[in-house]
Amino acid sequence: MIDLHTHTLFSDGELLPAELVRRAEAIGYEAIALTDHADTSNLDWVVPRIVRVCRDLNQHRQIRAVPGIELTHLPPEMIGPMVKEARSLGARIVVVHGETLVEPVLPGTNRQAIEAGADILAHPGLITEEEILRAKEKGVFLEVSARKGHSLGNGRVARLARKIGAPLVLNTDTHSPDNLITRDFAMKVVIGAGLEAENLEEMLKNSRAILSRLL
């Protein structure tokens, strides 16, 4: 498994980064990105700490820990500048909290995340075909989510992404230890989204492509 969307106690997760990474390693993960929630209040505090802990852990673990961030509930107009700032602070993966069905995310968030060139648009809910086409053009990966609630939009995201040819990734949006998933459960999420078994391999390949940008 490769999981590029998780949270630690640096935001609303339950675990220290070291424990989250170790738990993922113990169930066979190849790589995990630490992408705590951020806005202007904490971005410059969270990212350097995630960068440091990932650097330290990668000296002693087989699993690869990747420093990232999830920009969350920002006014859409702020997303572009914040993506740039997050990268300047050392975030190697920038996720934007998309227009999920279960939270009051501002309309326009999906589009601005895509235009800003975020790496991943998380749980984008009722994303439009036009936005998915633009994501394909910009090389922004769309998320199929294993998280309860956010996963309600998986079917639409998967169907339209396949129709248009936009790239998908599978992430957990982990907040607690039981949110991490095995490969077998990942397969169930994929099939539940209306995809086929081989699409899991395709999504893992896409996750590796994101990681290859960092080399």
N, C-alpha and C. Protein backbone atom coordinates (compact mmCIF):
# COMPACT_ATOMS: atom_id res chain seq x y z
N MET A 1 0.83 -1.20 0.00
CA MET A 1 0.00 0.00 0.00
C MET A 1 0.87 1.26 0.00
N ILE A 2 0.37 2.24 -0.66
CA ILE A 2 0.93 3.59 -0.63
C ILE A 2 -0.22 4.52 -0.27
N ASP A 3 -0.03 5.33 0.75
CA ASP A 3 -1.10 6.18 1.27
C ASP A 3 -0.57 7.61 1.35
N LEU A 4 -1.14 8.49 0.56
CA LEU A 4 -0.62 9.85 0.45
C LEU A 4 -1.53 10.89 1.09
N HIS A 5 -2.34 10.48 2.07
CA HIS A 5 -3.24 11.41 2.75
C HIS A 5 -3.54 10.87 4.14
N THR A 6 -2.79 11.35 5.14
CA THR A 6 -2.99 10.92 6.53
C THR A 6 -2.77 12.09 7.48
N HIS A 7 -3.19 11.89 8.73
CA HIS A 7 -3.13 12.96 9.72
C HIS A 7 -2.55 12.44 11.04
N THR A 8 -1.78 13.31 11.69
CA THR A 8 -1.19 13.00 12.99
C THR A 8 -1.75 13.97 14.02
N LEU A 9 -1.21 13.92 15.23
CA LEU A 9 -1.68 14.86 16.26
C LEU A 9 -1.19 16.29 16.03
N PHE A 10 -0.44 16.50 14.93
CA PHE A 10 -0.14 17.88 14.54
C PHE A 10 -1.39 18.61 14.05
N SER A 11 -2.44 17.85 13.72
CA SER A 11 -3.75 18.47 13.44
C SER A 11 -4.80 17.69 14.21
N ASP A 12 -5.67 16.93 13.52
CA ASP A 12 -6.74 16.24 14.23
C ASP A 12 -6.59 14.74 14.23
N GLY A 13 -5.38 14.24 13.97
CA GLY A 13 -5.12 12.82 14.09
C GLY A 13 -4.82 12.44 15.53
N GLU A 14 -4.76 11.14 15.79
CA GLU A 14 -4.59 10.64 17.15
C GLU A 14 -3.17 10.25 17.50
N LEU A 15 -2.31 10.06 16.51
CA LEU A 15 -1.00 9.47 16.76
C LEU A 15 0.15 10.44 16.48
N LEU A 16 1.23 10.25 17.21
CA LEU A 16 2.48 10.88 16.84
C LEU A 16 2.90 10.39 15.45
N PRO A 17 3.60 11.21 14.70
CA PRO A 17 4.05 10.75 13.38
C PRO A 17 4.81 9.43 13.42
N ALA A 18 5.71 9.27 14.37
CA ALA A 18 6.50 8.04 14.43
C ALA A 18 5.62 6.80 14.61
N GLU A 19 4.58 6.93 15.43
CA GLU A 19 3.71 5.77 15.64
C GLU A 19 2.86 5.49 14.40
N LEU A 20 2.36 6.54 13.77
CA LEU A 20 1.57 6.33 12.56
C LEU A 20 2.40 5.64 11.49
N VAL A 21 3.62 6.11 11.29
CA VAL A 21 4.49 5.51 10.28
C VAL A 21 4.80 4.06 10.63
N ARG A 22 5.08 3.78 11.90
CA ARG A 22 5.39 2.41 12.30
C ARG A 22 4.19 1.49 12.11
N ARG A 23 3.00 1.96 12.46
CA ARG A 23 1.81 1.12 12.28
C ARG A 23 1.56 0.83 10.80
N ALA A 24 1.80 1.81 9.95
CA ALA A 24 1.65 1.58 8.52
C ALA A 24 2.69 0.58 8.02
N GLU A 25 3.92 0.72 8.49
CA GLU A 25 4.98 -0.20 8.11
C GLU A 25 4.64 -1.62 8.53
N ALA A 26 4.06 -1.77 9.70
CA ALA A 26 3.77 -3.09 10.25
C ALA A 26 2.73 -3.85 9.44
N ILE A 27 1.86 -3.14 8.71
CA ILE A 27 0.86 -3.84 7.90
C ILE A 27 1.22 -3.82 6.41
N GLY A 28 2.47 -3.49 6.12
CA GLY A 28 2.96 -3.68 4.78
C GLY A 28 2.96 -2.48 3.86
N TYR A 29 2.80 -1.28 4.39
CA TYR A 29 2.83 -0.09 3.53
C TYR A 29 4.23 0.12 2.95
N GLU A 30 4.29 0.55 1.70
CA GLU A 30 5.55 0.94 1.07
C GLU A 30 5.91 2.38 1.42
N ALA A 31 4.90 3.24 1.46
CA ALA A 31 5.13 4.67 1.68
C ALA A 31 3.88 5.29 2.29
N ILE A 32 4.11 6.36 3.04
CA ILE A 32 3.00 7.08 3.66
C ILE A 32 3.35 8.56 3.70
N ALA A 33 2.40 9.40 3.33
CA ALA A 33 2.59 10.85 3.42
C ALA A 33 1.86 11.37 4.64
N LEU A 34 2.51 12.24 5.37
CA LEU A 34 1.91 12.89 6.53
C LEU A 34 1.41 14.25 6.05
N THR A 35 0.09 14.41 6.02
CA THR A 35 -0.53 15.59 5.38
C THR A 35 -1.53 16.23 6.33
N ASP A 36 -1.04 16.77 7.42
CA ASP A 36 -1.94 17.36 8.41
C ASP A 36 -2.66 18.58 7.84
N HIS A 37 -3.83 18.85 8.43
CA HIS A 37 -4.64 19.99 8.02
C HIS A 37 -3.92 21.31 8.32
N ALA A 38 -4.05 22.26 7.39
CA ALA A 38 -3.42 23.55 7.62
C ALA A 38 -4.19 24.66 6.92
N ASP A 39 -4.10 25.85 7.52
CA ASP A 39 -4.51 27.10 6.89
C ASP A 39 -3.43 28.12 7.25
N THR A 40 -3.72 29.40 7.16
CA THR A 40 -2.67 30.39 7.46
C THR A 40 -2.28 30.42 8.92
N SER A 41 -3.09 29.84 9.80
CA SER A 41 -2.79 29.89 11.23
C SER A 41 -1.67 28.96 11.65
N ASN A 42 -1.45 27.88 10.88
CA ASN A 42 -0.50 26.87 11.35
C ASN A 42 0.43 26.32 10.28
N LEU A 43 0.30 26.76 9.04
CA LEU A 43 1.10 26.18 7.96
C LEU A 43 2.59 26.24 8.27
N ASP A 44 3.07 27.41 8.71
CA ASP A 44 4.51 27.57 8.94
C ASP A 44 4.98 26.87 10.20
N TRP A 45 4.06 26.38 11.01
CA TRP A 45 4.40 25.60 12.20
C TRP A 45 4.42 24.11 11.88
N VAL A 46 3.42 23.66 11.14
CA VAL A 46 3.27 22.22 10.90
C VAL A 46 4.28 21.69 9.90
N VAL A 47 4.43 22.35 8.76
CA VAL A 47 5.24 21.77 7.70
C VAL A 47 6.69 21.51 8.13
N PRO A 48 7.39 22.47 8.77
CA PRO A 48 8.77 22.17 9.16
C PRO A 48 8.89 20.98 10.11
N ARG A 49 7.90 20.79 10.98
CA ARG A 49 7.94 19.65 11.91
C ARG A 49 7.72 18.33 11.19
N ILE A 50 6.83 18.34 10.21
CA ILE A 50 6.63 17.12 9.43
C ILE A 50 7.87 16.82 8.59
N VAL A 51 8.47 17.84 8.02
CA VAL A 51 9.70 17.65 7.25
C VAL A 51 10.78 17.01 8.13
N ARG A 52 10.93 17.53 9.34
CA ARG A 52 11.98 17.01 10.22
C ARG A 52 11.72 15.56 10.60
N VAL A 53 10.50 15.25 11.00
CA VAL A 53 10.24 13.89 11.47
C VAL A 53 10.34 12.89 10.33
N CYS A 54 9.92 13.27 9.13
CA CYS A 54 10.06 12.36 8.00
C CYS A 54 11.53 12.12 7.68
N ARG A 55 12.32 13.17 7.72
CA ARG A 55 13.76 13.02 7.48
C ARG A 55 14.38 12.07 8.50
N ASP A 56 14.01 12.24 9.77
CA ASP A 56 14.59 11.40 10.81
C ASP A 56 14.15 9.95 10.67
N LEU A 57 12.86 9.73 10.44
CA LEU A 57 12.35 8.36 10.33
C LEU A 57 12.92 7.64 9.12
N ASN A 58 13.12 8.36 8.04
CA ASN A 58 13.60 7.71 6.83
C ASN A 58 15.04 7.21 6.95
N GLN A 59 15.74 7.65 7.97
CA GLN A 59 17.09 7.14 8.22
C GLN A 59 17.08 5.77 8.89
N HIS A 60 15.91 5.37 9.42
CA HIS A 60 15.86 4.16 10.24
C HIS A 60 14.74 3.19 9.84
N ARG A 61 13.95 3.51 8.84
CA ARG A 61 12.81 2.68 8.47
C ARG A 61 12.89 2.27 7.00
N GLN A 62 12.31 1.11 6.69
CA GLN A 62 12.19 0.69 5.31
C GLN A 62 11.07 1.44 4.60
N ILE A 63 9.97 1.70 5.31
CA ILE A 63 8.88 2.47 4.74
C ILE A 63 9.36 3.89 4.48
N ARG A 64 8.82 4.50 3.46
CA ARG A 64 9.19 5.88 3.14
C ARG A 64 8.14 6.83 3.70
N ALA A 65 8.55 7.76 4.53
CA ALA A 65 7.66 8.79 5.07
C ALA A 65 7.87 10.07 4.28
N VAL A 66 6.78 10.66 3.80
CA VAL A 66 6.84 11.81 2.91
C VAL A 66 6.19 13.02 3.58
N PRO A 67 6.88 14.14 3.67
CA PRO A 67 6.29 15.33 4.27
C PRO A 67 5.30 16.02 3.33
N GLY A 68 4.10 16.25 3.83
CA GLY A 68 3.08 16.91 3.02
C GLY A 68 2.19 17.77 3.88
N ILE A 69 1.09 18.20 3.30
CA ILE A 69 0.13 19.05 4.00
C ILE A 69 -1.21 18.94 3.28
N GLU A 70 -2.30 19.11 4.02
CA GLU A 70 -3.61 19.22 3.41
C GLU A 70 -4.18 20.60 3.71
N LEU A 71 -4.28 21.42 2.69
CA LEU A 71 -4.87 22.75 2.84
C LEU A 71 -6.38 22.58 2.94
N THR A 72 -6.96 23.13 4.02
CA THR A 72 -8.30 22.73 4.42
C THR A 72 -9.21 23.93 4.67
N HIS A 73 -10.38 23.92 4.02
CA HIS A 73 -11.42 24.93 4.22
C HIS A 73 -10.93 26.36 4.01
N LEU A 74 -10.02 26.53 3.07
CA LEU A 74 -9.57 27.88 2.73
C LEU A 74 -10.57 28.55 1.79
N PRO A 75 -10.69 29.87 1.86
CA PRO A 75 -11.39 30.56 0.76
C PRO A 75 -10.70 30.19 -0.55
N PRO A 76 -11.44 29.85 -1.58
CA PRO A 76 -10.81 29.39 -2.82
C PRO A 76 -9.72 30.32 -3.35
N GLU A 77 -9.90 31.62 -3.17
CA GLU A 77 -8.92 32.58 -3.70
C GLU A 77 -7.55 32.45 -3.02
N MET A 78 -7.51 31.84 -1.84
CA MET A 78 -6.26 31.70 -1.11
C MET A 78 -5.49 30.44 -1.46
N ILE A 79 -6.12 29.53 -2.19
CA ILE A 79 -5.51 28.21 -2.39
C ILE A 79 -4.21 28.31 -3.19
N GLY A 80 -4.22 29.07 -4.29
CA GLY A 80 -3.02 29.17 -5.11
C GLY A 80 -1.80 29.65 -4.34
N PRO A 81 -1.88 30.78 -3.66
CA PRO A 81 -0.74 31.26 -2.87
C PRO A 81 -0.33 30.28 -1.77
N MET A 82 -1.31 29.62 -1.16
CA MET A 82 -0.98 28.69 -0.07
C MET A 82 -0.29 27.43 -0.59
N VAL A 83 -0.65 26.97 -1.77
CA VAL A 83 0.06 25.83 -2.37
C VAL A 83 1.53 26.20 -2.55
N LYS A 84 1.78 27.38 -3.08
CA LYS A 84 3.16 27.82 -3.29
C LYS A 84 3.91 27.95 -1.96
N GLU A 85 3.25 28.51 -0.94
CA GLU A 85 3.91 28.67 0.35
C GLU A 85 4.22 27.31 0.98
N ALA A 86 3.27 26.38 0.87
CA ALA A 86 3.50 25.05 1.44
C ALA A 86 4.72 24.40 0.80
N ARG A 87 4.84 24.51 -0.50
CA ARG A 87 6.00 23.93 -1.17
C ARG A 87 7.29 24.62 -0.75
N SER A 88 7.24 25.94 -0.57
CA SER A 88 8.44 26.67 -0.18
C SER A 88 8.90 26.28 1.22
N LEU A 89 7.97 25.85 2.06
CA LEU A 89 8.30 25.42 3.42
C LEU A 89 8.81 23.98 3.48
N GLY A 90 8.66 23.24 2.38
CA GLY A 90 9.20 21.89 2.34
C GLY A 90 8.19 20.78 2.16
N ALA A 91 6.92 21.12 1.99
CA ALA A 91 5.91 20.09 1.73
C ALA A 91 6.17 19.48 0.36
N ARG A 92 6.39 18.18 0.31
CA ARG A 92 6.65 17.53 -0.97
C ARG A 92 5.37 17.10 -1.66
N ILE A 93 4.32 16.89 -0.88
CA ILE A 93 3.00 16.57 -1.44
C ILE A 93 2.00 17.57 -0.86
N VAL A 94 1.29 18.24 -1.75
CA VAL A 94 0.25 19.17 -1.31
C VAL A 94 -1.11 18.61 -1.72
N VAL A 95 -1.91 18.34 -0.70
CA VAL A 95 -3.28 17.88 -0.88
C VAL A 95 -4.19 19.06 -0.58
N VAL A 96 -5.28 19.18 -1.34
CA VAL A 96 -6.30 20.17 -1.01
C VAL A 96 -7.58 19.44 -0.64
N HIS A 97 -8.17 19.85 0.46
CA HIS A 97 -9.42 19.28 0.98
C HIS A 97 -10.56 19.68 0.05
N GLY A 98 -11.00 18.72 -0.76
CA GLY A 98 -11.99 19.01 -1.79
C GLY A 98 -13.40 19.15 -1.27
N GLU A 99 -14.33 19.32 -2.20
CA GLU A 99 -15.72 19.63 -1.89
C GLU A 99 -16.51 18.37 -1.51
N THR A 100 -16.08 17.73 -0.44
CA THR A 100 -16.74 16.55 0.08
C THR A 100 -18.22 16.80 0.34
N LEU A 101 -19.01 15.73 0.27
CA LEU A 101 -20.44 15.84 0.51
C LEU A 101 -20.80 16.08 1.97
N VAL A 102 -19.87 15.82 2.88
CA VAL A 102 -20.22 15.81 4.30
C VAL A 102 -19.66 16.99 5.09
N GLU A 103 -19.06 17.96 4.42
CA GLU A 103 -18.57 19.16 5.10
C GLU A 103 -18.89 20.38 4.24
N PRO A 104 -19.04 21.55 4.87
CA PRO A 104 -19.42 22.76 4.12
C PRO A 104 -18.23 23.45 3.44
N VAL A 105 -17.57 22.71 2.57
CA VAL A 105 -16.44 23.28 1.83
C VAL A 105 -16.99 24.28 0.80
N LEU A 106 -16.31 25.41 0.69
CA LEU A 106 -16.79 26.46 -0.20
C LEU A 106 -16.79 26.03 -1.67
N PRO A 107 -17.87 26.32 -2.39
CA PRO A 107 -17.86 26.08 -3.83
C PRO A 107 -16.69 26.82 -4.49
N GLY A 108 -16.12 26.20 -5.48
CA GLY A 108 -14.95 26.77 -6.15
C GLY A 108 -13.64 26.20 -5.65
N THR A 109 -13.69 25.46 -4.53
CA THR A 109 -12.47 24.88 -3.97
C THR A 109 -11.85 23.87 -4.94
N ASN A 110 -12.67 22.98 -5.49
CA ASN A 110 -12.12 21.97 -6.41
C ASN A 110 -11.39 22.65 -7.57
N ARG A 111 -12.04 23.63 -8.17
CA ARG A 111 -11.46 24.28 -9.35
C ARG A 111 -10.16 25.00 -9.01
N GLN A 112 -10.13 25.71 -7.90
CA GLN A 112 -8.93 26.45 -7.53
C GLN A 112 -7.78 25.52 -7.16
N ALA A 113 -8.09 24.39 -6.53
CA ALA A 113 -7.04 23.42 -6.22
C ALA A 113 -6.41 22.88 -7.49
N ILE A 114 -7.24 22.62 -8.48
CA ILE A 114 -6.74 22.12 -9.75
C ILE A 114 -5.89 23.18 -10.44
N GLU A 115 -6.40 24.40 -10.50
CA GLU A 115 -5.65 25.47 -11.17
C GLU A 115 -4.33 25.76 -10.46
N ALA A 116 -4.30 25.56 -9.15
CA ALA A 116 -3.08 25.81 -8.38
C ALA A 116 -2.04 24.71 -8.56
N GLY A 117 -2.44 23.60 -9.18
CA GLY A 117 -1.50 22.50 -9.38
C GLY A 117 -1.20 21.71 -8.13
N ALA A 118 -2.20 21.57 -7.24
CA ALA A 118 -2.02 20.68 -6.09
C ALA A 118 -1.72 19.27 -6.60
N ASP A 119 -1.03 18.49 -5.81
CA ASP A 119 -0.72 17.12 -6.22
C ASP A 119 -1.97 16.26 -6.23
N ILE A 120 -2.78 16.40 -5.17
CA ILE A 120 -3.97 15.57 -5.00
C ILE A 120 -5.15 16.44 -4.58
N LEU A 121 -6.28 16.25 -5.25
CA LEU A 121 -7.54 16.84 -4.81
C LEU A 121 -8.29 15.76 -4.05
N ALA A 122 -8.39 15.94 -2.74
CA ALA A 122 -8.97 14.91 -1.88
C ALA A 122 -10.49 14.93 -1.94
N HIS A 123 -11.07 13.74 -1.90
CA HIS A 123 -12.53 13.55 -1.81
C HIS A 123 -13.31 14.71 -2.45
N PRO A 124 -13.25 14.84 -3.78
CA PRO A 124 -13.82 16.02 -4.44
C PRO A 124 -15.32 16.00 -4.64
N GLY A 125 -16.02 15.03 -4.06
CA GLY A 125 -17.48 15.05 -4.03
C GLY A 125 -18.11 15.09 -5.41
N LEU A 126 -19.03 16.05 -5.62
CA LEU A 126 -19.77 16.15 -6.88
C LEU A 126 -18.99 16.99 -7.90
N ILE A 127 -17.77 16.63 -8.10
CA ILE A 127 -16.91 17.32 -9.05
C ILE A 127 -17.52 17.25 -10.44
N THR A 128 -17.33 18.29 -11.23
CA THR A 128 -17.92 18.35 -12.56
C THR A 128 -17.00 17.70 -13.60
N GLU A 129 -17.59 17.34 -14.74
CA GLU A 129 -16.79 16.79 -15.83
C GLU A 129 -15.75 17.80 -16.31
N GLU A 130 -16.13 19.06 -16.36
CA GLU A 130 -15.20 20.10 -16.79
C GLU A 130 -14.00 20.18 -15.84
N GLU A 131 -14.25 20.08 -14.54
CA GLU A 131 -13.16 20.13 -13.56
C GLU A 131 -12.27 18.90 -13.69
N ILE A 132 -12.87 17.75 -13.94
CA ILE A 132 -12.06 16.53 -14.09
C ILE A 132 -11.19 16.63 -15.34
N LEU A 133 -11.74 17.17 -16.41
CA LEU A 133 -10.93 17.36 -17.62
C LEU A 133 -9.76 18.30 -17.34
N ARG A 134 -10.02 19.36 -16.58
CA ARG A 134 -8.95 20.29 -16.24
C ARG A 134 -7.91 19.63 -15.33
N ALA A 135 -8.35 18.76 -14.42
CA ALA A 135 -7.41 18.03 -13.57
C ALA A 135 -6.50 17.15 -14.43
N LYS A 136 -7.08 16.51 -15.43
CA LYS A 136 -6.27 15.70 -16.34
C LYS A 136 -5.22 16.56 -17.03
N GLU A 137 -5.63 17.73 -17.51
CA GLU A 137 -4.72 18.63 -18.22
C GLU A 137 -3.61 19.13 -17.31
N LYS A 138 -3.93 19.36 -16.05
CA LYS A 138 -2.96 19.93 -15.10
C LYS A 138 -2.14 18.87 -14.37
N GLY A 139 -2.48 17.60 -14.56
CA GLY A 139 -1.75 16.54 -13.86
C GLY A 139 -2.07 16.45 -12.39
N VAL A 140 -3.29 16.84 -12.01
CA VAL A 140 -3.73 16.75 -10.62
C VAL A 140 -4.45 15.42 -10.43
N PHE A 141 -4.06 14.68 -9.41
CA PHE A 141 -4.64 13.37 -9.15
C PHE A 141 -5.89 13.51 -8.30
N LEU A 142 -6.92 12.77 -8.65
CA LEU A 142 -8.19 12.78 -7.93
C LEU A 142 -8.26 11.59 -6.99
N GLU A 143 -8.79 11.84 -5.81
CA GLU A 143 -8.75 10.83 -4.75
C GLU A 143 -10.03 10.00 -4.68
N VAL A 144 -9.84 8.69 -4.62
CA VAL A 144 -10.87 7.76 -4.14
C VAL A 144 -10.55 7.53 -2.68
N SER A 145 -11.51 7.81 -1.80
CA SER A 145 -11.24 7.85 -0.37
C SER A 145 -11.79 6.61 0.34
N ALA A 146 -10.99 6.08 1.24
CA ALA A 146 -11.44 4.98 2.08
C ALA A 146 -12.13 5.47 3.35
N ARG A 147 -12.20 6.78 3.54
CA ARG A 147 -12.76 7.32 4.78
C ARG A 147 -14.28 7.41 4.72
N LYS A 148 -14.91 6.99 5.81
CA LYS A 148 -16.37 7.06 5.91
C LYS A 148 -16.82 8.50 5.70
N GLY A 149 -17.94 8.66 5.04
CA GLY A 149 -18.46 10.00 4.75
C GLY A 149 -17.87 10.55 3.48
N HIS A 150 -16.58 10.79 3.47
CA HIS A 150 -15.93 11.30 2.27
C HIS A 150 -16.07 10.32 1.11
N SER A 151 -16.19 9.04 1.42
CA SER A 151 -16.28 8.02 0.38
C SER A 151 -17.62 8.04 -0.37
N LEU A 152 -18.57 8.83 0.10
CA LEU A 152 -19.88 8.88 -0.56
C LEU A 152 -19.78 9.36 -2.01
N GLY A 153 -18.79 10.14 -2.32
CA GLY A 153 -18.62 10.63 -3.69
C GLY A 153 -17.76 9.74 -4.56
N ASN A 154 -17.25 8.64 -4.03
CA ASN A 154 -16.30 7.82 -4.79
C ASN A 154 -16.85 7.35 -6.13
N GLY A 155 -18.12 6.93 -6.13
CA GLY A 155 -18.67 6.38 -7.36
C GLY A 155 -18.65 7.37 -8.51
N ARG A 156 -19.07 8.61 -8.22
CA ARG A 156 -19.07 9.64 -9.27
C ARG A 156 -17.65 9.98 -9.70
N VAL A 157 -16.77 10.17 -8.73
CA VAL A 157 -15.39 10.53 -9.05
C VAL A 157 -14.76 9.45 -9.93
N ALA A 158 -14.94 8.20 -9.54
CA ALA A 158 -14.33 7.10 -10.28
C ALA A 158 -14.92 6.98 -11.68
N ARG A 159 -16.24 7.07 -11.78
CA ARG A 159 -16.89 6.91 -13.08
C ARG A 159 -16.46 7.99 -14.07
N LEU A 160 -16.48 9.24 -13.64
CA LEU A 160 -16.13 10.33 -14.55
C LEU A 160 -14.64 10.36 -14.84
N ALA A 161 -13.83 10.03 -13.86
CA ALA A 161 -12.38 10.01 -14.10
C ALA A 161 -12.03 8.95 -15.13
N ARG A 162 -12.68 7.80 -15.05
CA ARG A 162 -12.44 6.75 -16.03
C ARG A 162 -12.92 7.17 -17.42
N LYS A 163 -14.06 7.83 -17.47
CA LYS A 163 -14.62 8.29 -18.73
C LYS A 163 -13.69 9.30 -19.42
N ILE A 164 -13.12 10.19 -18.62
CA ILE A 164 -12.31 11.29 -19.17
C ILE A 164 -10.83 10.93 -19.26
N GLY A 165 -10.42 9.95 -18.48
CA GLY A 165 -9.02 9.56 -18.48
C GLY A 165 -8.16 10.31 -17.50
N ALA A 166 -8.79 10.82 -16.45
CA ALA A 166 -8.05 11.53 -15.40
C ALA A 166 -7.46 10.54 -14.40
N PRO A 167 -6.31 10.84 -13.83
CA PRO A 167 -5.66 9.88 -12.93
C PRO A 167 -6.28 9.87 -11.54
N LEU A 168 -6.40 8.66 -10.99
CA LEU A 168 -6.95 8.45 -9.66
C LEU A 168 -5.89 7.89 -8.72
N VAL A 169 -6.02 8.22 -7.43
CA VAL A 169 -5.25 7.57 -6.38
C VAL A 169 -6.20 7.14 -5.27
N LEU A 170 -5.80 6.13 -4.54
CA LEU A 170 -6.57 5.65 -3.40
C LEU A 170 -5.84 6.02 -2.12
N ASN A 171 -6.52 6.76 -1.23
CA ASN A 171 -5.95 7.15 0.06
C ASN A 171 -6.93 6.86 1.18
N THR A 172 -6.41 6.86 2.41
CA THR A 172 -7.28 6.55 3.55
C THR A 172 -7.80 7.76 4.29
N ASP A 173 -7.08 8.90 4.21
CA ASP A 173 -7.42 10.04 5.06
C ASP A 173 -7.41 9.61 6.53
N THR A 174 -6.41 8.86 6.89
CA THR A 174 -6.30 8.30 8.24
C THR A 174 -6.24 9.38 9.30
N HIS A 175 -7.03 9.19 10.36
CA HIS A 175 -6.98 10.01 11.55
C HIS A 175 -6.68 9.19 12.80
N SER A 176 -6.94 7.90 12.76
CA SER A 176 -6.74 7.02 13.90
C SER A 176 -6.19 5.68 13.42
N PRO A 177 -5.62 4.86 14.33
CA PRO A 177 -4.96 3.63 13.90
C PRO A 177 -5.84 2.72 13.06
N ASP A 178 -7.13 2.64 13.38
CA ASP A 178 -8.00 1.72 12.65
C ASP A 178 -8.38 2.22 11.26
N ASN A 179 -7.95 3.43 10.91
CA ASN A 179 -8.21 3.94 9.56
C ASN A 179 -7.22 3.42 8.52
N LEU A 180 -6.06 2.97 8.96
CA LEU A 180 -5.11 2.37 8.03
C LEU A 180 -5.72 1.08 7.47
N ILE A 181 -5.42 0.77 6.22
CA ILE A 181 -6.09 -0.37 5.58
C ILE A 181 -5.08 -1.35 4.99
N THR A 182 -5.53 -2.58 4.91
CA THR A 182 -4.75 -3.61 4.23
C THR A 182 -5.04 -3.56 2.73
N ARG A 183 -4.26 -4.28 1.99
CA ARG A 183 -4.48 -4.36 0.55
C ARG A 183 -5.85 -4.99 0.24
N ASP A 184 -6.23 -5.98 1.04
CA ASP A 184 -7.54 -6.63 0.82
C ASP A 184 -8.67 -5.62 1.00
N PHE A 185 -8.59 -4.77 2.02
CA PHE A 185 -9.66 -3.79 2.21
C PHE A 185 -9.60 -2.73 1.12
N ALA A 186 -8.40 -2.37 0.70
CA ALA A 186 -8.27 -1.41 -0.40
C ALA A 186 -8.99 -1.92 -1.64
N MET A 187 -8.89 -3.22 -1.89
CA MET A 187 -9.58 -3.80 -3.04
C MET A 187 -11.09 -3.66 -2.90
N LYS A 188 -11.61 -3.82 -1.69
CA LYS A 188 -13.04 -3.66 -1.47
C LYS A 188 -13.49 -2.23 -1.74
N VAL A 189 -12.67 -1.26 -1.33
CA VAL A 189 -12.99 0.15 -1.59
C VAL A 189 -13.04 0.41 -3.09
N VAL A 190 -12.08 -0.13 -3.80
CA VAL A 190 -12.01 0.05 -5.25
C VAL A 190 -13.25 -0.53 -5.92
N ILE A 191 -13.60 -1.76 -5.57
CA ILE A 191 -14.76 -2.40 -6.17
C ILE A 191 -16.04 -1.67 -5.77
N GLY A 192 -16.10 -1.21 -4.52
CA GLY A 192 -17.26 -0.46 -4.06
C GLY A 192 -17.44 0.86 -4.78
N ALA A 193 -16.36 1.39 -5.32
CA ALA A 193 -16.43 2.64 -6.08
C ALA A 193 -16.86 2.41 -7.53
N GLY A 194 -17.12 1.15 -7.87
CA GLY A 194 -17.56 0.85 -9.23
C GLY A 194 -16.42 0.55 -10.19
N LEU A 195 -15.23 0.36 -9.64
CA LEU A 195 -14.06 0.05 -10.46
C LEU A 195 -13.80 -1.46 -10.46
N GLU A 196 -12.79 -1.86 -11.20
CA GLU A 196 -12.42 -3.26 -11.29
C GLU A 196 -11.15 -3.51 -10.48
N ALA A 197 -10.89 -4.78 -10.23
CA ALA A 197 -9.74 -5.14 -9.39
C ALA A 197 -8.44 -4.58 -9.95
N GLU A 198 -8.30 -4.61 -11.28
CA GLU A 198 -7.04 -4.12 -11.87
C GLU A 198 -6.83 -2.63 -11.66
N ASN A 199 -7.90 -1.91 -11.34
CA ASN A 199 -7.75 -0.47 -11.13
C ASN A 199 -6.98 -0.15 -9.85
N LEU A 200 -6.95 -1.08 -8.90
CA LEU A 200 -6.13 -0.85 -7.70
C LEU A 200 -4.67 -0.74 -8.09
N GLU A 201 -4.22 -1.63 -8.96
CA GLU A 201 -2.82 -1.57 -9.40
C GLU A 201 -2.55 -0.26 -10.14
N GLU A 202 -3.51 0.18 -10.92
CA GLU A 202 -3.35 1.44 -11.64
C GLU A 202 -3.22 2.61 -10.68
N MET A 203 -4.04 2.61 -9.61
CA MET A 203 -3.97 3.70 -8.64
C MET A 203 -2.67 3.67 -7.85
N LEU A 204 -2.20 2.47 -7.52
CA LEU A 204 -0.91 2.37 -6.84
C LEU A 204 0.22 2.85 -7.75
N LYS A 205 0.10 2.54 -9.03
CA LYS A 205 1.09 3.04 -10.00
C LYS A 205 1.07 4.57 -10.03
N ASN A 206 -0.13 5.16 -9.97
CA ASN A 206 -0.23 6.61 -9.95
C ASN A 206 0.40 7.20 -8.70
N SER A 207 0.20 6.54 -7.56
CA SER A 207 0.83 7.00 -6.32
C SER A 207 2.34 6.95 -6.43
N ARG A 208 2.85 5.90 -7.05
CA ARG A 208 4.30 5.82 -7.26
C ARG A 208 4.78 6.93 -8.19
N ALA A 209 3.94 7.30 -9.15
CA ALA A 209 4.31 8.39 -10.06
C ALA A 209 4.44 9.70 -9.31
N ILE A 210 3.53 9.93 -8.35
CA ILE A 210 3.64 11.13 -7.52
C ILE A 210 4.94 11.09 -6.73
N LEU A 211 5.24 9.94 -6.14
CA LEU A 211 6.48 9.82 -5.36
C LEU A 211 7.71 10.02 -6.24
N SER A 212 7.62 9.58 -7.48
CA SER A 212 8.80 9.70 -8.36
C SER A 212 9.13 11.16 -8.66
N ARG A 213 8.13 12.04 -8.55
CA ARG A 213 8.40 13.47 -8.72
C ARG A 213 9.36 13.99 -7.66
N LEU A 214 9.42 13.29 -6.53
CA LEU A 214 10.19 13.78 -5.41
C LEU A 214 11.66 13.35 -5.50
N LEU A 215 11.97 12.44 -6.39
CA LEU A 215 13.33 11.91 -6.46
C LEU A 215 14.27 12.87 -7.17
